[in-house]
Protein backbone atom coordinates (compact mmCIF):
# COMPACT_ATOMS: atom_id res chain seq x y z
CA MET A 1 75.81 89.14 99.91
CA GLN A 2 78.64 90.54 102.07
CA ALA A 3 78.13 87.64 104.48
CA LEU A 4 78.91 85.05 101.80
CA PRO A 5 82.41 84.18 103.11
CA PHE A 6 80.89 83.35 106.49
CA LEU A 7 78.24 81.14 104.85
CA SER A 8 80.79 79.30 102.72
CA ALA A 9 83.33 78.88 105.51
CA PRO A 10 81.78 75.62 106.86
CA LEU A 11 82.03 74.03 103.39
CA LEU A 12 85.63 75.10 103.03
CA ILE A 13 86.50 73.93 106.53
CA ALA A 14 84.88 70.56 105.84
CA ARG A 15 86.92 70.22 102.67
CA LEU A 16 90.15 71.26 104.38
CA VAL A 17 89.65 68.86 107.28
CA SER A 18 88.27 65.81 105.49
CA THR A 19 90.71 65.62 102.60
CA PRO A 20 93.90 65.25 104.66
CA LEU A 21 92.26 62.64 106.87
CA ARG A 22 91.22 60.58 103.82
CA CYS A 23 94.57 60.95 102.12
CA ALA A 24 96.87 60.56 105.12
CA ARG A 25 96.95 56.76 104.79
CA LEU A 26 97.51 56.87 101.03
CA LEU A 27 100.36 59.38 100.83
CA PRO A 28 104.03 59.04 101.77
CA ILE A 29 104.84 60.36 105.23
CA ARG A 30 106.46 63.60 103.97
CA ALA A 31 103.63 64.39 101.55
CA SER A 32 101.03 63.66 104.21
CA SER A 33 102.85 65.93 106.65
CA LEU A 34 102.90 68.78 104.11
CA LEU A 35 99.18 68.35 103.46
CA LEU A 36 98.28 68.38 107.16
CA ARG A 37 100.50 71.37 107.85
CA SER A 38 99.11 73.36 104.92
CA THR A 39 95.58 72.53 106.12
CA VAL A 40 96.28 73.94 109.58
CA VAL A 41 97.79 77.08 108.08
CA ASP A 42 94.85 77.54 105.71
CA LEU A 43 92.39 77.26 108.59
CA ALA A 44 94.31 79.88 110.56
CA ILE A 45 94.42 82.18 107.53
CA LEU A 46 90.68 81.68 106.99
CA ALA A 47 89.97 82.75 110.57
CA GLY A 48 92.15 85.84 110.23
CA HIS A 49 90.75 86.75 106.84
CA LEU A 50 87.16 86.60 108.08
CA VAL A 51 88.15 89.29 110.58
CA LEU A 52 89.81 91.44 107.90
CA TYR A 53 87.10 90.89 105.29
CA PRO A 54 84.93 93.94 106.25
CA THR A 55 87.91 96.26 105.72
CA GLY A 56 88.03 95.38 102.02
CA ILE A 57 84.35 95.56 101.10
CA SER A 58 84.43 99.10 99.71
CA GLN A 59 86.06 99.81 96.37
CA GLU A 60 89.58 101.19 96.63
CA ARG A 61 90.08 104.87 95.86
CA PRO A 62 92.61 105.69 93.14
CA MET A 63 96.00 106.86 94.33
CA PRO A 64 96.14 110.69 94.46
CA ARG A 65 98.84 112.61 92.67
CA PRO A 66 101.71 113.14 95.11
CA ALA A 67 102.25 116.73 96.26
CA PRO A 68 105.47 118.31 94.95
CA PRO A 69 108.15 119.14 97.53
CA PRO A 70 108.13 122.75 98.78
CA ALA A 71 110.34 125.00 96.66
CA ALA A 72 113.13 127.01 98.25
CA GLU A 73 112.70 130.78 98.44
CA PRO A 74 114.47 132.48 95.47
CA PRO A 75 117.16 135.09 96.22
CA GLN A 76 116.09 138.72 96.55
CA GLY A 77 115.51 140.25 93.14
CA PHE A 78 115.69 136.92 91.33
CA LEU A 79 112.79 136.20 89.00
CA GLU A 80 112.09 132.47 88.87
CA PRO A 81 110.73 131.25 85.53
CA THR A 82 107.19 130.02 85.64
CA ALA A 83 106.98 126.22 85.50
CA PRO A 84 104.83 124.87 82.69
CA GLN A 85 101.42 123.73 83.90
CA PRO A 86 99.94 120.40 82.77
CA ALA A 87 97.26 120.66 80.14
CA PRO A 88 93.68 120.12 81.27
CA GLY A 89 92.85 116.41 81.22
CA ALA A 90 96.52 115.37 81.06
CA PRO A 91 97.27 112.05 82.79
CA THR A 92 98.39 112.17 86.39
CA MET A 93 101.98 110.97 86.57
CA LEU A 94 102.61 108.88 89.66
CA PRO A 95 106.09 108.06 91.03
CA THR A 96 106.33 104.93 88.86
CA GLU A 97 106.27 106.92 85.60
CA GLY A 98 109.68 106.94 83.98
CA ARG A 99 110.91 104.14 86.24
CA ALA A 100 111.02 100.36 85.84
CA HIS A 101 107.83 99.31 87.60
CA PRO A 102 104.46 99.73 85.86
CA PRO A 103 101.24 99.67 87.92
CA VAL A 104 100.27 96.34 89.48
CA LEU A 105 96.55 95.50 89.75
CA LEU A 106 95.41 92.80 92.18
CA LEU A 107 92.29 90.66 91.57
CA HIS A 108 90.71 88.63 94.37
CA GLY A 109 88.98 85.27 94.16
CA PHE A 110 85.41 84.02 94.51
CA ILE A 111 83.35 85.68 97.30
CA ASP A 112 86.44 87.53 98.48
CA ASN A 113 87.68 91.12 98.30
CA ARG A 114 90.85 93.20 98.20
CA SER A 115 91.66 92.59 101.89
CA VAL A 116 93.21 89.24 100.91
CA PHE A 117 96.17 91.13 99.39
CA LEU A 118 97.14 93.10 102.51
CA LEU A 119 100.52 91.36 102.98
CA LEU A 120 101.33 91.07 99.27
CA ARG A 121 100.67 94.77 98.77
CA ARG A 122 103.01 95.63 101.66
CA SER A 123 105.68 93.36 100.21
CA LEU A 124 105.51 95.04 96.81
CA HIS A 125 105.58 98.52 98.36
CA ARG A 126 108.62 97.68 100.48
CA HIS A 127 110.54 96.51 97.42
CA GLY A 128 109.90 99.52 95.22
CA TRP A 129 106.52 98.96 93.56
CA ARG A 130 104.94 102.33 94.29
CA HIS A 131 101.69 101.93 92.36
CA VAL A 132 99.70 98.90 93.50
CA GLU A 133 95.90 98.83 93.36
CA ALA A 134 93.26 96.18 94.05
CA LEU A 135 90.00 95.90 92.14
CA ASN A 136 86.83 94.57 93.76
CA TYR A 137 84.27 93.05 91.46
CA SER A 138 80.74 92.91 92.86
CA PRO A 139 79.68 89.82 94.87
CA LEU A 140 76.51 90.00 92.76
CA THR A 141 78.57 89.26 89.62
CA CYS A 142 77.27 86.07 88.00
CA ASP A 143 79.34 86.03 84.82
CA LEU A 144 83.12 85.94 84.63
CA ARG A 145 82.94 87.75 81.31
CA LYS A 146 81.27 90.76 82.97
CA ALA A 147 84.03 90.88 85.57
CA ALA A 148 86.60 90.81 82.73
CA GLU A 149 84.83 93.76 81.07
CA LEU A 150 84.99 95.66 84.37
CA LEU A 151 88.70 94.88 84.54
CA SER A 152 89.15 96.17 80.99
CA ARG A 153 87.59 99.52 81.88
CA HIS A 154 89.65 99.75 85.06
CA VAL A 155 92.92 99.06 83.23
CA GLU A 156 92.13 101.79 80.70
CA GLU A 157 91.40 104.21 83.53
CA VAL A 158 94.67 103.37 85.29
CA CYS A 159 96.66 103.82 82.09
CA ALA A 160 94.98 107.17 81.37
CA ARG A 161 95.51 108.34 84.96
CA THR A 162 99.15 107.32 85.28
CA GLY A 163 100.47 107.71 81.75
CA HIS A 164 101.62 104.09 81.62
CA ARG A 165 100.94 102.12 78.46
CA ARG A 166 100.83 98.70 80.16
CA VAL A 167 100.14 97.17 83.56
CA ASP A 168 100.82 93.91 85.40
CA LEU A 169 98.01 91.78 86.87
CA VAL A 170 98.12 89.42 89.87
CA GLY A 171 95.03 87.25 90.37
CA HIS A 172 94.19 84.80 93.13
CA SER A 173 91.97 81.84 92.19
CA LEU A 174 89.00 83.16 90.17
CA GLY A 175 90.78 86.52 89.87
CA GLY A 176 93.47 84.89 87.76
CA LEU A 177 90.86 83.41 85.45
CA ILE A 178 89.25 86.84 85.02
CA ALA A 179 92.65 88.34 84.17
CA ARG A 180 93.36 85.59 81.65
CA TYR A 181 89.93 85.97 79.99
CA TYR A 182 90.51 89.72 79.64
CA VAL A 183 93.90 89.17 78.03
CA GLN A 184 92.93 86.30 75.71
CA ARG A 185 89.36 87.09 74.76
CA LEU A 186 88.98 90.88 75.14
CA GLY A 187 92.24 92.09 73.62
CA GLY A 188 93.85 92.86 76.96
CA ASP A 189 97.27 91.71 75.77
CA THR A 190 97.78 95.23 74.35
CA ARG A 191 97.60 96.63 77.89
CA VAL A 192 98.88 93.79 80.09
CA ARG A 193 102.55 92.93 80.20
CA THR A 194 102.43 90.08 82.75
CA VAL A 195 99.63 88.05 84.35
CA ILE A 196 100.55 86.20 87.55
CA THR A 197 98.01 83.68 88.83
CA LEU A 198 97.87 82.09 92.28
CA GLY A 199 95.90 78.85 92.53
CA THR A 200 93.79 79.58 89.45
CA PRO A 201 91.73 76.77 87.84
CA HIS A 202 93.06 77.22 84.31
CA SER A 203 91.62 73.86 83.21
CA GLY A 204 88.68 73.96 85.60
CA THR A 205 88.28 72.54 89.10
CA ARG A 206 85.89 69.89 90.41
CA ILE A 207 85.80 71.35 93.92
CA ALA A 208 82.58 72.10 95.83
CA PRO A 209 79.79 70.53 93.74
CA LEU A 210 77.36 71.87 96.35
CA LEU A 211 78.31 75.42 95.33
CA SER A 212 77.72 74.78 91.63
CA ALA A 213 74.36 76.47 91.86
CA HIS A 214 76.30 79.72 91.62
CA PRO A 215 77.00 80.65 87.98
CA LEU A 216 80.61 81.70 88.71
CA VAL A 217 81.37 78.32 90.27
CA ARG A 218 79.91 76.57 87.22
CA GLN A 219 82.16 78.68 85.00
CA MET A 220 85.18 77.37 86.91
CA ARG A 221 84.32 73.73 86.25
CA PRO A 222 86.22 71.74 83.58
CA ASP A 223 83.23 71.43 81.26
CA SER A 224 82.26 75.14 81.30
CA GLU A 225 82.02 77.38 78.24
CA VAL A 226 84.53 79.78 79.76
CA ILE A 227 87.19 77.07 80.14
CA ALA A 228 86.49 76.00 76.54
CA GLU A 229 86.92 79.60 75.35
CA LEU A 230 90.28 79.88 77.09
CA ALA A 231 91.44 76.68 75.37
CA ARG A 232 90.87 78.22 71.94
CA PRO A 233 93.80 79.52 69.86
CA ALA A 234 95.33 82.80 71.03
CA PRO A 235 97.83 83.65 68.27
CA ASN A 236 100.26 86.52 68.79
CA CYS A 237 99.27 87.04 72.43
CA ARG A 238 101.78 89.55 73.80
CA THR A 239 101.24 88.91 77.50
CA GLN A 240 103.48 86.67 79.59
CA PHE A 241 101.86 84.35 82.14
CA VAL A 242 103.30 83.01 85.38
CA ALA A 243 101.17 80.45 87.27
CA PHE A 244 101.94 79.55 90.88
CA TRP A 245 100.50 76.20 91.91
CA SER A 246 100.78 73.81 94.85
CA ALA A 247 100.09 70.10 95.25
CA GLU A 248 98.61 70.96 98.66
CA ASP A 249 96.02 73.32 97.15
CA GLN A 250 92.81 71.49 98.03
CA VAL A 251 90.54 73.87 96.13
CA MET A 252 92.20 72.95 92.84
CA VAL A 253 90.99 69.45 91.86
CA PRO A 254 93.23 68.17 90.45
CA ALA A 255 96.04 70.37 91.79
CA THR A 256 97.68 70.55 88.35
CA THR A 257 94.70 72.46 86.99
CA ALA A 258 96.42 75.56 88.40
CA ARG A 259 99.12 75.10 85.74
CA ILE A 260 98.80 76.81 82.36
CA SER A 261 99.11 74.57 79.32
CA HIS A 262 98.33 76.40 76.09
CA PRO A 263 100.39 76.21 72.87
CA ASP A 264 99.96 79.90 72.03
CA LEU A 265 100.77 81.40 75.45
CA LEU A 266 104.17 82.27 76.85
CA ALA A 267 103.60 80.68 80.25
CA TYR A 268 105.78 79.61 83.16
CA ASN A 269 104.47 77.30 85.89
CA VAL A 270 105.99 77.66 89.35
CA HIS A 271 105.46 74.87 91.88
CA VAL A 272 105.46 75.88 95.56
CA ALA A 273 105.50 73.04 98.09
CA GLY A 274 103.40 72.93 101.23
CA VAL A 275 101.27 76.01 100.51
CA GLY A 276 97.47 75.75 100.65
CA HIS A 277 94.98 77.68 98.56
CA LEU A 278 94.29 80.44 101.06
CA ALA A 279 97.99 80.82 101.91
CA LEU A 280 99.09 81.61 98.35
CA PRO A 281 98.39 85.39 98.53
CA VAL A 282 100.01 85.75 101.98
CA ASN A 283 102.98 83.39 101.75
CA GLY A 284 106.38 85.11 101.88
CA THR A 285 108.03 82.70 99.44
CA VAL A 286 105.23 83.24 96.91
CA ALA A 287 105.50 87.03 97.36
CA ALA A 288 109.23 86.83 96.62
CA GLY A 289 108.47 84.74 93.53
CA ILE A 290 105.95 87.33 92.35
CA ARG A 291 108.50 90.13 92.74
CA GLU A 292 111.08 88.06 90.88
CA ALA A 293 108.66 87.34 88.03
CA LEU A 294 107.72 91.02 87.68
CA ALA A 295 111.37 92.10 87.76
CA ALA A 296 112.31 89.46 85.18
CA ALA A 297 109.57 90.74 82.88
CA GLU A 298 111.00 94.25 83.20
CA THR A 299 114.50 93.03 82.36
CA ALA A 300 113.25 91.15 79.30
CA GLU A 301 111.19 94.10 78.16
CA GLY A 302 114.15 96.47 78.54
CA ALA A 303 116.40 94.14 76.56
CA ALA A 304 113.81 93.84 73.78
CA GLU A 305 113.49 97.65 73.57
CA THR A 306 117.28 98.02 73.42
CA ILE A 307 117.50 95.50 70.59
CA SER A 308 114.70 97.17 68.64
CA VAL A 309 116.28 100.59 69.01
CA ALA A 310 119.72 99.29 67.99
């Protein structure tokens, strides 16, 4: 099953190449140029990602507790008080504890793995997000609900390990749908502050009918039970959603399916021009938008806590 991206690559390439050629005569010159350019970039990213794919097959190890800095030698005759030791089983406090940024968990898309987030992870680290993890769900997974249950257990483990009460989730494509299912249908809104989706088929996509033999692909289609479940009422959902979408995303059919439209959800849709499906997790403008969305959520949360305390 680890060779799946290589088997599906010809189908994706055929889609990426044929669509712009069919649409070039029907679109305005600028729109056609954006589509062709995003196609070339997506093909280049696909080639690079196939090389990186083996590096992300294994599950990521949890971040270890950072070692304390060496203490200075006390003066002669000075008795230093013994520092209190953490109780057995106490949560490991990582550098983010007590600061603004909660942990960020990254969820990859269909037949992919955590290697797709290499550049996004670096971007978050460089700008102060110290605790960023990526979760691989098994390529043998055939039910989105099972992947959402795995995510639920992983979020609980991260919260117990770090001492944080809530986390942020960033999901690419199918990963965003898994995150949303966990929040809406499994009570994840108690643990998740913000869900950011990148090219996620919130209303279902009609792409790749040849791949519909796979159960996960069928669950991403507009007429699936999963899409119907996500359309059900979600009263009092405490999680904020931010959906990045692009008109040049050729895996989302139609492209607007990557927008969130639900009366009970606090959702913001962010349009990015000229960015293809595979480019969304590696695009610098999108990375900046993700950082801005996470920071804005922190500002809003801090203001709400101040008001409640006052």
